[in-house]
Amino acid sequence: MRAYCCVALLAFILGGCTAPSITLETMEPAQVQETTKLRRLAVTQFRNDAGGVATAAVENSLAAVSFGQKPYFILVDARALRGIGDDAGDLARLRRQGKVAGAEAVVLGTVSQSDWRDAYETEQRSVCVAWRENGSCRKTAMRPVHCVRRTGVFAFTPKIVSAATGEIITSAEFVESEASKACHGVDDEPLANGMTLVADARKRAVQRFRNQIAPHFVQVEIRLLTDDDSGIPAPLKASIENGVAYAKSKRMDKACSLWLGASDAHRAGYALPYLNGVCAEYAGDLDKARSDYELADKRTVKPVPEITEALARIRKAQADLPLLDEQVR
């Protein structure tokens, strides 16, 4: 299995002076290698988790991890481990009960915050102070308005404990927040529901935990270079721009064909080898992508941020490959 993959052209951004870009999805390894060797997990009730909402969110998130339609984790029945916490006595009990549950490791921990609050503010806003007969605004002025900022916060500290030894493999706190603001008589959108904000924060915190212990996909924005200082002939510039248009239509195959043809006809400058590197990276060919990016870098007379970022990204992806291959095996 080729662990590094760019699976989709997700977005294309064009506007004003902003350079066009594509967004690729690539795989990164779990941040804690030891956890990837423990695939049979039991998720026990988290402390301070009213209604078991966070526990269920963690269990569902881990159950959803899969590669090649094969579940990454096997979640076993945690009833034999019910009530086990993370103090010394409980961890000793966990070792005795781990074999009963059939788990290699147990996920447990504590929810330290799961609530929302409102903060009241006053802002200067432009408001209507005079109206026409038809109901439209005739005159505006700056006036103080009362606003409410609602913030939902979720924080928890999950731990993964070896069922065989009672050793804590990993433990970290994850804190996320989500906010909504509305000003009375000014903003059309109402304040978001507080529990909805907490749920959004919880989702992100749980996802961060999942990414810590399992390989995961991330989105990477790659800016495109469409010109340089090498005097690209007008017809080839048109080919480059047409390639951008095809990329905008999610036709990277056609875009890459145009850019490759242009680079064959113009063997100078850094923009075209850079674009060829983007195509190779999109196809998952890291060796060719690195070669193309290095050629682009060699042709520069001063640092080009896009090329510097590309080289760093590819070198990291290549360094991650052995770890990814081991983790998804």
C-alpha atoms as a PDB file:
ATOM      1  CA  MET A   1       0.000   0.000   0.000  1.00  0.00           C
ATOM      2  CA  ARG A   2       1.331   3.461  -0.853  1.00  0.00           C
ATOM      3  CA  ALA A   3       0.747   5.222   2.434  1.00  0.00           C
ATOM      4  CA  TYR A   4       1.187   8.755   1.125  1.00  0.00           C
ATOM      5  CA  CYS A   5      -1.674   9.688  -1.129  1.00  0.00           C
ATOM      6  CA  CYS A   6      -3.375  12.792  -2.455  1.00  0.00           C
ATOM      7  CA  VAL A   7      -6.909  11.529  -2.822  1.00  0.00           C
ATOM      8  CA  ALA A   8      -8.849  14.515  -4.047  1.00  0.00           C
ATOM      9  CA  LEU A   9      -8.719  17.972  -5.518  1.00  0.00           C
ATOM     10  CA  LEU A  10     -10.893  19.603  -2.918  1.00  0.00           C
ATOM     11  CA  ALA A  11     -10.783  23.306  -3.618  1.00  0.00           C
ATOM     12  CA  PHE A  12      -9.564  25.942  -5.972  1.00  0.00           C
ATOM     13  CA  ILE A  13      -9.102  29.542  -4.991  1.00  0.00           C
ATOM     14  CA  LEU A  14      -8.926  32.413  -7.450  1.00  0.00           C
ATOM     15  CA  GLY A  15      -9.492  36.046  -6.633  1.00  0.00           C
ATOM     16  CA  GLY A  16      -7.887  39.437  -7.102  1.00  0.00           C
ATOM     17  CA  CYS A  17      -4.160  39.318  -6.537  1.00  0.00           C
ATOM     18  CA  THR A  18      -4.336  36.079  -4.579  1.00  0.00           C
ATOM     19  CA  ALA A  19      -2.299  33.325  -6.212  1.00  0.00           C
ATOM     20  CA  PRO A  20      -4.393  30.371  -7.409  1.00  0.00           C
ATOM     21  CA  SER A  21      -4.102  27.284  -5.253  1.00  0.00           C
ATOM     22  CA  ILE A  22      -5.294  23.719  -4.967  1.00  0.00           C
ATOM     23  CA  THR A  23      -6.054  21.819  -1.788  1.00  0.00           C
ATOM     24  CA  LEU A  24      -4.897  18.221  -1.536  1.00  0.00           C
ATOM     25  CA  GLU A  25      -5.658  15.596   1.073  1.00  0.00           C
ATOM     26  CA  THR A  26      -2.631  13.681   2.335  1.00  0.00           C
ATOM     27  CA  MET A  27      -2.029  11.106   5.039  1.00  0.00           C
ATOM     28  CA  GLU A  28       0.054  11.705   8.137  1.00  0.00           C
ATOM     29  CA  PRO A  29       1.168   9.143  10.726  1.00  0.00           C
ATOM     30  CA  ALA A  30      -0.148   8.921  14.267  1.00  0.00           C
ATOM     31  CA  GLN A  31       1.742  11.215  16.592  1.00  0.00           C
ATOM     32  CA  VAL A  32       2.198   8.490  19.247  1.00  0.00           C
ATOM     33  CA  GLN A  33       3.725   5.462  17.536  1.00  0.00           C
ATOM     34  CA  GLU A  34       3.264   3.140  20.544  1.00  0.00           C
ATOM     35  CA  THR A  35      -0.524   3.369  20.349  1.00  0.00           C
ATOM     36  CA  THR A  36      -0.626   1.995  16.795  1.00  0.00           C
ATOM     37  CA  LYS A  37       0.607  -1.374  18.046  1.00  0.00           C
ATOM     38  CA  LEU A  38      -2.473  -1.710  20.279  1.00  0.00           C
ATOM     39  CA  ARG A  39      -5.478  -2.236  18.023  1.00  0.00           C
ATOM     40  CA  ARG A  40      -7.984  -3.935  20.358  1.00  0.00           C
ATOM     41  CA  LEU A  41      -9.332  -1.118  22.506  1.00  0.00           C
ATOM     42  CA  ALA A  42     -11.971  -0.808  25.205  1.00  0.00           C
ATOM     43  CA  VAL A  43     -13.369   2.683  25.814  1.00  0.00           C
ATOM     44  CA  THR A  44     -14.493   3.059  29.425  1.00  0.00           C
ATOM     45  CA  GLN A  45     -16.759   5.728  30.878  1.00  0.00           C
ATOM     46  CA  PHE A  46     -14.917   9.040  31.250  1.00  0.00           C
ATOM     47  CA  ARG A  47     -15.134  10.757  34.609  1.00  0.00           C
ATOM     48  CA  ASN A  48     -17.411  13.826  34.810  1.00  0.00           C
ATOM     49  CA  ASP A  49     -19.010  12.844  31.502  1.00  0.00           C
ATOM     50  CA  ALA A  50     -22.707  13.576  32.001  1.00  0.00           C
ATOM     51  CA  GLY A  51     -24.788  11.133  30.000  1.00  0.00           C
ATOM     52  CA  GLY A  52     -21.659   9.486  28.566  1.00  0.00           C
ATOM     53  CA  VAL A  53     -21.697  11.915  25.637  1.00  0.00           C
ATOM     54  CA  ALA A  54     -17.909  12.338  25.395  1.00  0.00           C
ATOM     55  CA  THR A  55     -17.312   8.614  25.928  1.00  0.00           C
ATOM     56  CA  ALA A  56     -19.654   7.796  23.060  1.00  0.00           C
ATOM     57  CA  ALA A  57     -18.037  10.453  20.848  1.00  0.00           C
ATOM     58  CA  VAL A  58     -14.586   8.939  21.419  1.00  0.00           C
ATOM     59  CA  GLU A  59     -15.837   5.408  20.809  1.00  0.00           C
ATOM     60  CA  ASN A  60     -17.625   6.412  17.588  1.00  0.00           C
ATOM     61  CA  SER A  61     -14.605   8.366  16.349  1.00  0.00           C
ATOM     62  CA  LEU A  62     -12.218   5.456  16.875  1.00  0.00           C
ATOM     63  CA  ALA A  63     -14.656   2.997  15.319  1.00  0.00           C
ATOM     64  CA  ALA A  64     -14.800   5.150  12.186  1.00  0.00           C
ATOM     65  CA  VAL A  65     -11.061   4.921  11.489  1.00  0.00           C
ATOM     66  CA  SER A  66     -10.479   2.583   8.556  1.00  0.00           C
ATOM     67  CA  PHE A  67      -8.065   2.057   5.687  1.00  0.00           C
ATOM     68  CA  GLY A  68      -8.934  -0.013   2.651  1.00  0.00           C
ATOM     69  CA  GLN A  69     -12.410  -0.693   4.120  1.00  0.00           C
ATOM     70  CA  LYS A  70     -10.748  -2.427   7.066  1.00  0.00           C
ATOM     71  CA  PRO A  71     -11.320  -1.051  10.592  1.00  0.00           C
ATOM     72  CA  TYR A  72      -8.120   0.263  12.124  1.00  0.00           C
ATOM     73  CA  PHE A  73      -9.219  -0.395  15.703  1.00  0.00           C
ATOM     74  CA  ILE A  74     -11.259  -3.281  17.067  1.00  0.00           C
ATOM     75  CA  LEU A  75     -13.444  -1.966  19.884  1.00  0.00           C
ATOM     76  CA  VAL A  76     -14.252  -4.615  22.481  1.00  0.00           C
ATOM     77  CA  ASP A  77     -16.968  -4.734  25.142  1.00  0.00           C
ATOM     78  CA  ALA A  78     -15.866  -2.542  28.033  1.00  0.00           C
ATOM     79  CA  ARG A  79     -18.429  -3.754  30.584  1.00  0.00           C
ATOM     80  CA  ALA A  80     -15.833  -5.845  32.421  1.00  0.00           C
ATOM     81  CA  LEU A  81     -13.848  -2.651  32.937  1.00  0.00           C
ATOM     82  CA  ARG A  82     -16.764  -0.484  34.059  1.00  0.00           C
ATOM     83  CA  GLY A  83     -15.885   1.848  36.894  1.00  0.00           C
ATOM     84  CA  ILE A  84     -12.152   1.656  36.395  1.00  0.00           C
ATOM     85  CA  GLY A  85     -10.440   5.034  36.716  1.00  0.00           C
ATOM     86  CA  ASP A  86      -6.887   6.226  36.390  1.00  0.00           C
ATOM     87  CA  ASP A  87      -5.554   6.086  39.946  1.00  0.00           C
ATOM     88  CA  ALA A  88      -3.004   3.475  41.035  1.00  0.00           C
ATOM     89  CA  GLY A  89      -5.545   1.032  42.502  1.00  0.00           C
ATOM     90  CA  ASP A  90      -7.742   1.154  39.430  1.00  0.00           C
ATOM     91  CA  LEU A  91      -4.807   0.609  37.080  1.00  0.00           C
ATOM     92  CA  ALA A  92      -3.855  -2.519  39.018  1.00  0.00           C
ATOM     93  CA  ARG A  93      -7.446  -3.715  38.688  1.00  0.00           C
ATOM     94  CA  LEU A  94      -7.310  -2.953  34.986  1.00  0.00           C
ATOM     95  CA  ARG A  95      -4.477  -5.457  34.551  1.00  0.00           C
ATOM     96  CA  ARG A  96      -6.602  -8.168  36.143  1.00  0.00           C
ATOM     97  CA  GLN A  97      -9.672  -7.363  34.082  1.00  0.00           C
ATOM     98  CA  GLY A  98      -7.949  -6.629  30.771  1.00  0.00           C
ATOM     99  CA  LYS A  99      -7.794 -10.274  29.738  1.00  0.00           C
ATOM    100  CA  VAL A 100     -11.477 -10.699  30.545  1.00  0.00           C
ATOM    101  CA  ALA A 101     -12.398  -7.856  28.234  1.00  0.00           C
ATOM    102  CA  GLY A 102     -10.071  -9.048  25.482  1.00  0.00           C
ATOM    103  CA  ALA A 103      -8.548  -5.583  25.151  1.00  0.00           C
ATOM    104  CA  GLU A 104      -4.924  -4.778  24.465  1.00  0.00           C
ATOM    105  CA  ALA A 105      -5.429  -1.271  25.798  1.00  0.00           C
ATOM    106  CA  VAL A 106      -8.066   0.764  27.563  1.00  0.00           C
ATOM    107  CA  VAL A 107      -9.094   4.346  26.782  1.00  0.00           C
ATOM    108  CA  LEU A 108     -10.132   6.238  29.895  1.00  0.00           C
ATOM    109  CA  GLY A 109      -9.827   9.722  31.316  1.00  0.00           C
ATOM    110  CA  THR A 110     -11.646  12.792  32.600  1.00  0.00           C
ATOM    111  CA  VAL A 111     -13.829  15.522  31.146  1.00  0.00           C
ATOM    112  CA  SER A 112     -12.731  18.752  32.837  1.00  0.00           C
ATOM    113  CA  GLN A 113     -15.027  21.206  31.055  1.00  0.00           C
ATOM    114  CA  SER A 114     -18.127  20.941  28.926  1.00  0.00           C
ATOM    115  CA  ASP A 115     -20.214  24.107  29.123  1.00  0.00           C
ATOM    116  CA  TRP A 116     -20.871  27.502  27.618  1.00  0.00           C
ATOM    117  CA  ARG A 117     -21.073  31.068  28.833  1.00  0.00           C
ATOM    118  CA  ASP A 118     -22.187  34.496  27.627  1.00  0.00           C
ATOM    119  CA  ALA A 119     -20.106  37.670  27.769  1.00  0.00           C
ATOM    120  CA  TYR A 120     -21.701  41.067  27.220  1.00  0.00           C
ATOM    121  CA  GLU A 121     -19.996  43.773  25.186  1.00  0.00           C
ATOM    122  CA  THR A 122     -20.734  47.192  23.725  1.00  0.00           C
ATOM    123  CA  GLU A 123     -19.554  48.063  20.227  1.00  0.00           C
ATOM    124  CA  GLN A 124     -19.753  51.098  17.979  1.00  0.00           C
ATOM    125  CA  ARG A 125     -21.752  50.115  14.913  1.00  0.00           C
ATOM    126  CA  SER A 126     -23.292  51.918  11.967  1.00  0.00           C
ATOM    127  CA  VAL A 127     -27.068  51.861  12.517  1.00  0.00           C
ATOM    128  CA  CYS A 128     -30.015  53.446  10.781  1.00  0.00           C
ATOM    129  CA  VAL A 129     -31.262  56.626  12.525  1.00  0.00           C
ATOM    130  CA  ALA A 130     -33.702  57.899   9.892  1.00  0.00           C
ATOM    131  CA  TRP A 131     -36.080  56.022   7.648  1.00  0.00           C
ATOM    132  CA  ARG A 132     -37.861  56.695   4.377  1.00  0.00           C
ATOM    133  CA  GLU A 133     -41.593  56.171   3.994  1.00  0.00           C
ATOM    134  CA  ASN A 134     -40.985  52.939   2.083  1.00  0.00           C
ATOM    135  CA  GLY A 135     -39.092  51.526   5.061  1.00  0.00           C
ATOM    136  CA  SER A 136     -35.558  51.829   3.656  1.00  0.00           C
ATOM    137  CA  CYS A 137     -32.814  53.519   5.594  1.00  0.00           C
ATOM    138  CA  ARG A 138     -32.275  57.221   4.824  1.00  0.00           C
ATOM    139  CA  LYS A 139     -29.458  58.012   7.239  1.00  0.00           C
ATOM    140  CA  THR A 140     -26.956  56.038   9.286  1.00  0.00           C
ATOM    141  CA  ALA A 141     -24.768  56.971  12.220  1.00  0.00           C
ATOM    142  CA  MET A 142     -22.331  55.335  14.590  1.00  0.00           C
ATOM    143  CA  ARG A 143     -24.032  54.279  17.813  1.00  0.00           C
ATOM    144  CA  PRO A 144     -23.150  52.009  20.726  1.00  0.00           C
ATOM    145  CA  VAL A 145     -24.939  48.660  20.479  1.00  0.00           C
ATOM    146  CA  HIS A 146     -25.192  45.816  22.968  1.00  0.00           C
ATOM    147  CA  CYS A 147     -23.619  42.537  21.855  1.00  0.00           C
ATOM    148  CA  VAL A 148     -23.415  39.052  23.322  1.00  0.00           C
ATOM    149  CA  ARG A 149     -20.509  36.697  22.731  1.00  0.00           C
ATOM    150  CA  ARG A 150     -21.405  33.077  23.511  1.00  0.00           C
ATOM    151  CA  THR A 151     -18.534  30.606  23.886  1.00  0.00           C
ATOM    152  CA  GLY A 152     -18.726  26.854  24.228  1.00  0.00           C
ATOM    153  CA  VAL A 153     -15.726  25.053  25.686  1.00  0.00           C
ATOM    154  CA  PHE A 154     -14.880  21.376  25.863  1.00  0.00           C
ATOM    155  CA  ALA A 155     -11.777  19.992  27.571  1.00  0.00           C
ATOM    156  CA  PHE A 156     -10.845  16.413  28.351  1.00  0.00           C
ATOM    157  CA  THR A 157      -7.791  14.346  29.215  1.00  0.00           C
ATOM    158  CA  PRO A 158      -7.914  10.896  27.612  1.00  0.00           C
ATOM    159  CA  LYS A 159      -5.382   8.233  28.509  1.00  0.00           C
ATOM    160  CA  ILE A 160      -4.479   4.989  26.805  1.00  0.00           C
ATOM    161  CA  VAL A 161      -3.386   2.317  29.256  1.00  0.00           C
ATOM    162  CA  SER A 162      -1.879  -1.059  28.405  1.00  0.00           C
ATOM    163  CA  ALA A 163      -4.208  -3.796  29.616  1.00  0.00           C
ATOM    164  CA  ALA A 164      -1.242  -6.144  30.021  1.00  0.00           C
ATOM    165  CA  THR A 165       1.014  -3.946  32.153  1.00  0.00           C
ATOM    166  CA  GLY A 166      -1.122  -1.062  33.414  1.00  0.00           C
ATOM    167  CA  GLU A 167       1.371   1.334  31.855  1.00  0.00           C
ATOM    168  CA  ILE A 168       0.021   4.681  30.642  1.00  0.00           C
ATOM    169  CA  ILE A 169       0.990   4.767  26.955  1.00  0.00           C
ATOM    170  CA  THR A 170      -0.159   8.327  26.352  1.00  0.00           C
ATOM    171  CA  SER A 171      -1.992  11.052  28.215  1.00  0.00           C
ATOM    172  CA  ALA A 172      -2.710  14.601  27.062  1.00  0.00           C
ATOM    173  CA  GLU A 173      -5.293  17.320  27.560  1.00  0.00           C
ATOM    174  CA  PHE A 174      -7.295  18.552  24.577  1.00  0.00           C
ATOM    175  CA  VAL A 175      -9.113  21.878  24.842  1.00  0.00           C
ATOM    176  CA  GLU A 176     -11.288  23.393  22.124  1.00  0.00           C
ATOM    177  CA  SER A 177     -13.758  26.276  22.006  1.00  0.00           C
ATOM    178  CA  GLU A 178     -16.362  27.592  19.599  1.00  0.00           C
ATOM    179  CA  ALA A 179     -17.863  31.095  19.709  1.00  0.00           C
ATOM    180  CA  SER A 180     -20.859  32.977  18.341  1.00  0.00           C
ATOM    181  CA  LYS A 181     -21.600  36.697  18.592  1.00  0.00           C
ATOM    182  CA  ALA A 182     -24.657  38.817  17.850  1.00  0.00           C
ATOM    183  CA  CYS A 183     -25.430  42.489  18.414  1.00  0.00           C
ATOM    184  CA  HIS A 184     -28.978  43.526  19.275  1.00  0.00           C
ATOM    185  CA  GLY A 185     -30.814  45.158  16.387  1.00  0.00           C
ATOM    186  CA  VAL A 186     -27.799  44.988  14.067  1.00  0.00           C
ATOM    187  CA  ASP A 187     -26.909  41.400  13.203  1.00  0.00           C
ATOM    188  CA  ASP A 188     -29.383  39.285  11.273  1.00  0.00           C
ATOM    189  CA  GLU A 189     -27.995  35.968  12.506  1.00  0.00           C
ATOM    190  CA  PRO A 190     -29.079  34.945  16.016  1.00  0.00           C
ATOM    191  CA  LEU A 191     -26.715  33.579  18.628  1.00  0.00           C
ATOM    192  CA  ALA A 192     -25.891  29.924  18.177  1.00  0.00           C
ATOM    193  CA  ASN A 193     -27.258  27.495  20.746  1.00  0.00           C
ATOM    194  CA  GLY A 194     -24.787  27.020  23.595  1.00  0.00           C
ATOM    195  CA  MET A 195     -24.919  23.230  23.533  1.00  0.00           C
ATOM    196  CA  THR A 196     -24.337  23.282  19.773  1.00  0.00           C
ATOM    197  CA  LEU A 197     -21.154  25.277  20.355  1.00  0.00           C
ATOM    198  CA  VAL A 198     -20.024  22.775  22.992  1.00  0.00           C
ATOM    199  CA  ALA A 199     -20.763  19.892  20.612  1.00  0.00           C
ATOM    200  CA  ASP A 200     -18.655  21.527  17.879  1.00  0.00           C
ATOM    201  CA  ALA A 201     -15.780  22.055  20.317  1.00  0.00           C
ATOM    202  CA  ARG A 202     -16.068  18.461  21.528  1.00  0.00           C
ATOM    203  CA  LYS A 203     -15.951  17.145  17.977  1.00  0.00           C
ATOM    204  CA  ARG A 204     -12.677  18.950  17.275  1.00  0.00           C
ATOM    205  CA  ALA A 205     -11.113  17.869  20.578  1.00  0.00           C
ATOM    206  CA  VAL A 206     -12.012  14.237  19.958  1.00  0.00           C
ATOM    207  CA  GLN A 207     -10.643  14.450  16.418  1.00  0.00           C
ATOM    208  CA  ARG A 208      -7.332  15.784  17.744  1.00  0.00           C
ATOM    209  CA  PHE A 209      -7.141  12.820  20.115  1.00  0.00           C
ATOM    210  CA  ARG A 210      -7.928  10.395  17.296  1.00  0.00           C
ATOM    211  CA  ASN A 211      -5.209  11.967  15.135  1.00  0.00           C
ATOM    212  CA  GLN A 212      -2.741  11.493  17.964  1.00  0.00           C
ATOM    213  CA  ILE A 213      -3.228   7.726  18.054  1.00  0.00           C
ATOM    214  CA  ALA A 214      -4.046   6.790  14.439  1.00  0.00           C
ATOM    215  CA  PRO A 215      -2.894   7.733  10.914  1.00  0.00           C
ATOM    216  CA  HIS A 216      -5.116  10.460   9.537  1.00  0.00           C
ATOM    217  CA  PHE A 217      -5.779  12.664   6.541  1.00  0.00           C
ATOM    218  CA  VAL A 218      -5.012  16.377   6.490  1.00  0.00           C
ATOM    219  CA  GLN A 219      -5.788  19.037   3.930  1.00  0.00           C
ATOM    220  CA  VAL A 220      -2.850  20.940   2.458  1.00  0.00           C
ATOM    221  CA  GLU A 221      -3.210  24.096   0.410  1.00  0.00           C
ATOM    222  CA  ILE A 222      -0.662  24.328  -2.410  1.00  0.00           C
ATOM    223  CA  ARG A 223      -0.237  27.677  -4.135  1.00  0.00           C
ATOM    224  CA  LEU A 224       0.438  27.619  -7.860  1.00  0.00           C
ATOM    225  CA  LEU A 225       3.143  29.627  -9.625  1.00  0.00           C
ATOM    226  CA  THR A 226       2.058  30.856 -13.031  1.00  0.00           C
ATOM    227  CA  ASP A 227       4.972  33.124 -13.986  1.00  0.00           C
ATOM    228  CA  ASP A 228       8.632  33.814 -13.220  1.00  0.00           C
ATOM    229  CA  ASP A 229      11.487  35.975 -14.473  1.00  0.00           C
ATOM    230  CA  SER A 230      12.495  33.757 -17.402  1.00  0.00           C
ATOM    231  CA  GLY A 231      10.482  35.486 -20.111  1.00  0.00           C
ATOM    232  CA  ILE A 232       7.909  32.769 -20.764  1.00  0.00           C
ATOM    233  CA  PRO A 233       6.527  33.298 -24.305  1.00  0.00           C
ATOM    234  CA  ALA A 234       2.936  34.490 -24.534  1.00  0.00           C
ATOM    235  CA  PRO A 235       1.575  31.234 -26.072  1.00  0.00           C
ATOM    236  CA  LEU A 236       3.080  29.213 -23.222  1.00  0.00           C
ATOM    237  CA  LYS A 237       1.719  31.647 -20.660  1.00  0.00           C
ATOM    238  CA  ALA A 238      -1.677  30.987 -22.208  1.00  0.00           C
ATOM    239  CA  SER A 239      -1.109  27.239 -21.776  1.00  0.00           C
ATOM    240  CA  ILE A 240      -0.251  27.773 -18.119  1.00  0.00           C
ATOM    241  CA  GLU A 241      -3.401  29.831 -17.557  1.00  0.00           C
ATOM    242  CA  ASN A 242      -5.483  27.257 -19.427  1.00  0.00           C
ATOM    243  CA  GLY A 243      -4.021  24.646 -17.105  1.00  0.00           C
ATOM    244  CA  VAL A 244      -5.150  26.746 -14.164  1.00  0.00           C
ATOM    245  CA  ALA A 245      -8.644  26.888 -15.678  1.00  0.00           C
ATOM    246  CA  TYR A 246      -8.698  23.092 -16.017  1.00  0.00           C
ATOM    247  CA  ALA A 247      -7.547  22.730 -12.439  1.00  0.00           C
ATOM    248  CA  LYS A 248     -10.414  25.011 -11.468  1.00  0.00           C
ATOM    249  CA  SER A 249     -12.741  22.540 -13.211  1.00  0.00           C
ATOM    250  CA  LYS A 250     -11.137  19.663 -11.241  1.00  0.00           C
ATOM    251  CA  ARG A 251      -9.353  18.397 -14.376  1.00  0.00           C
ATOM    252  CA  MET A 252      -5.838  17.996 -13.015  1.00  0.00           C
ATOM    253  CA  ASP A 253      -5.069  15.444 -15.737  1.00  0.00           C
ATOM    254  CA  LYS A 254      -5.584  18.058 -18.453  1.00  0.00           C
ATOM    255  CA  ALA A 255      -3.913  20.809 -16.406  1.00  0.00           C
ATOM    256  CA  CYS A 256      -0.811  18.701 -15.883  1.00  0.00           C
ATOM    257  CA  SER A 257      -0.684  17.779 -19.561  1.00  0.00           C
ATOM    258  CA  LEU A 258      -0.672  21.459 -20.531  1.00  0.00           C
ATOM    259  CA  TRP A 259       1.988  22.356 -17.959  1.00  0.00           C
ATOM    260  CA  LEU A 260       4.213  19.461 -19.017  1.00  0.00           C
ATOM    261  CA  GLY A 261       3.941  20.474 -22.675  1.00  0.00           C
ATOM    262  CA  ALA A 262       4.828  24.054 -21.798  1.00  0.00           C
ATOM    263  CA  SER A 263       7.869  22.930 -19.781  1.00  0.00           C
ATOM    264  CA  ASP A 264       9.117  20.849 -22.730  1.00  0.00           C
ATOM    265  CA  ALA A 265       8.966  23.947 -24.909  1.00  0.00           C
ATOM    266  CA  HIS A 266      10.470  26.330 -22.345  1.00  0.00           C
ATOM    267  CA  ARG A 267      13.363  24.820 -20.434  1.00  0.00           C
ATOM    268  CA  ALA A 268      14.062  27.815 -18.247  1.00  0.00           C
ATOM    269  CA  GLY A 269      12.676  29.457 -15.150  1.00  0.00           C
ATOM    270  CA  TYR A 270      11.179  27.904 -12.042  1.00  0.00           C
ATOM    271  CA  ALA A 271       7.404  28.189 -12.523  1.00  0.00           C
ATOM    272  CA  LEU A 272       7.013  25.241 -14.921  1.00  0.00           C
ATOM    273  CA  PRO A 273       9.150  22.705 -13.019  1.00  0.00           C
ATOM    274  CA  TYR A 274       7.307  23.799  -9.894  1.00  0.00           C
ATOM    275  CA  LEU A 275       3.942  23.095 -11.557  1.00  0.00           C
ATOM    276  CA  ASN A 276       5.242  19.700 -12.682  1.00  0.00           C
ATOM    277  CA  GLY A 277       6.165  19.057  -9.052  1.00  0.00           C
ATOM    278  CA  VAL A 278       2.627  19.927  -7.991  1.00  0.00           C
ATOM    279  CA  CYS A 279       1.300  17.391 -10.509  1.00  0.00           C
ATOM    280  CA  ALA A 280       3.666  14.685  -9.253  1.00  0.00           C
ATOM    281  CA  GLU A 281       2.692  15.410  -5.662  1.00  0.00           C
ATOM    282  CA  TYR A 282      -0.978  15.258  -6.622  1.00  0.00           C
ATOM    283  CA  ALA A 283      -0.329  11.840  -8.188  1.00  0.00           C
ATOM    284  CA  GLY A 284       1.494  10.651  -5.050  1.00  0.00           C
ATOM    285  CA  ASP A 285       4.903  10.349  -6.750  1.00  0.00           C
ATOM    286  CA  LEU A 286       7.049  11.909  -4.040  1.00  0.00           C
ATOM    287  CA  ASP A 287      10.402  11.161  -5.684  1.00  0.00           C
ATOM    288  CA  LYS A 288       9.461  12.955  -8.906  1.00  0.00           C
ATOM    289  CA  ALA A 289       7.815  15.788  -6.977  1.00  0.00           C
ATOM    290  CA  ARG A 290      11.006  16.352  -5.009  1.00  0.00           C
ATOM    291  CA  SER A 291      13.128  16.239  -8.164  1.00  0.00           C
ATOM    292  CA  ASP A 292      10.899  18.810  -9.888  1.00  0.00           C
ATOM    293  CA  TYR A 293      10.799  21.097  -6.858  1.00  0.00           C
ATOM    294  CA  GLU A 294      14.599  20.890  -6.520  1.00  0.00           C
ATOM    295  CA  LEU A 295      14.979  21.821 -10.198  1.00  0.00           C
ATOM    296  CA  ALA A 296      12.663  24.790  -9.656  1.00  0.00           C
ATOM    297  CA  ASP A 297      14.703  25.817  -6.611  1.00  0.00           C
ATOM    298  CA  LYS A 298      17.971  25.522  -8.570  1.00  0.00           C
ATOM    299  CA  ARG A 299      16.634  27.968 -11.164  1.00  0.00           C
ATOM    300  CA  THR A 300      15.800  30.698  -8.656  1.00  0.00           C
ATOM    301  CA  VAL A 301      18.083  33.629  -7.838  1.00  0.00           C
ATOM    302  CA  LYS A 302      16.346  34.362  -4.531  1.00  0.00           C
ATOM    303  CA  PRO A 303      14.081  32.312  -2.223  1.00  0.00           C
ATOM    304  CA  VAL A 304      10.572  31.663  -3.496  1.00  0.00           C
ATOM    305  CA  PRO A 305       8.216  30.884  -0.566  1.00  0.00           C
ATOM    306  CA  GLU A 306       6.092  28.410  -2.528  1.00  0.00           C
ATOM    307  CA  ILE A 307       9.141  26.358  -3.510  1.00  0.00           C
ATOM    308  CA  THR A 308      10.585  26.463  -0.001  1.00  0.00           C
ATOM    309  CA  GLU A 309       7.263  25.246   1.436  1.00  0.00           C
ATOM    310  CA  ALA A 310       6.991  22.517  -1.206  1.00  0.00           C
ATOM    311  CA  LEU A 311      10.469  21.140  -0.494  1.00  0.00           C
ATOM    312  CA  ALA A 312       9.825  21.088   3.255  1.00  0.00           C
ATOM    313  CA  ARG A 313       6.454  19.384   2.714  1.00  0.00           C
ATOM    314  CA  ILE A 314       7.883  16.694   0.429  1.00  0.00           C
ATOM    315  CA  ARG A 315      10.866  15.978   2.658  1.00  0.00           C
ATOM    316  CA  LYS A 316       8.548  15.525   5.625  1.00  0.00           C
ATOM    317  CA  ALA A 317       6.237  13.254   3.609  1.00  0.00           C
ATOM    318  CA  GLN A 318       9.182  11.097   2.527  1.00  0.00           C
ATOM    319  CA  ALA A 319      10.470  10.890   6.105  1.00  0.00           C
ATOM    320  CA  ASP A 320       6.967   9.860   7.263  1.00  0.00           C
ATOM    321  CA  LEU A 321       6.607   7.064   4.697  1.00  0.00           C
ATOM    322  CA  PRO A 322       8.309   4.234   6.663  1.00  0.00           C
ATOM    323  CA  LEU A 323       6.281   5.108   9.741  1.00  0.00           C
ATOM    324  CA  LEU A 324       3.044   5.256   7.751  1.00  0.00           C
ATOM    325  CA  ASP A 325       3.750   1.928   6.075  1.00  0.00           C
ATOM    326  CA  GLU A 326       4.291   0.367   9.485  1.00  0.00           C
ATOM    327  CA  GLN A 327       1.186   1.939  11.005  1.00  0.00           C
ATOM    328  CA  VAL A 328      -1.268   1.000   8.264  1.00  0.00           C
ATOM    329  CA  ARG A 329       0.127  -2.486   7.728  1.00  0.00           C
END
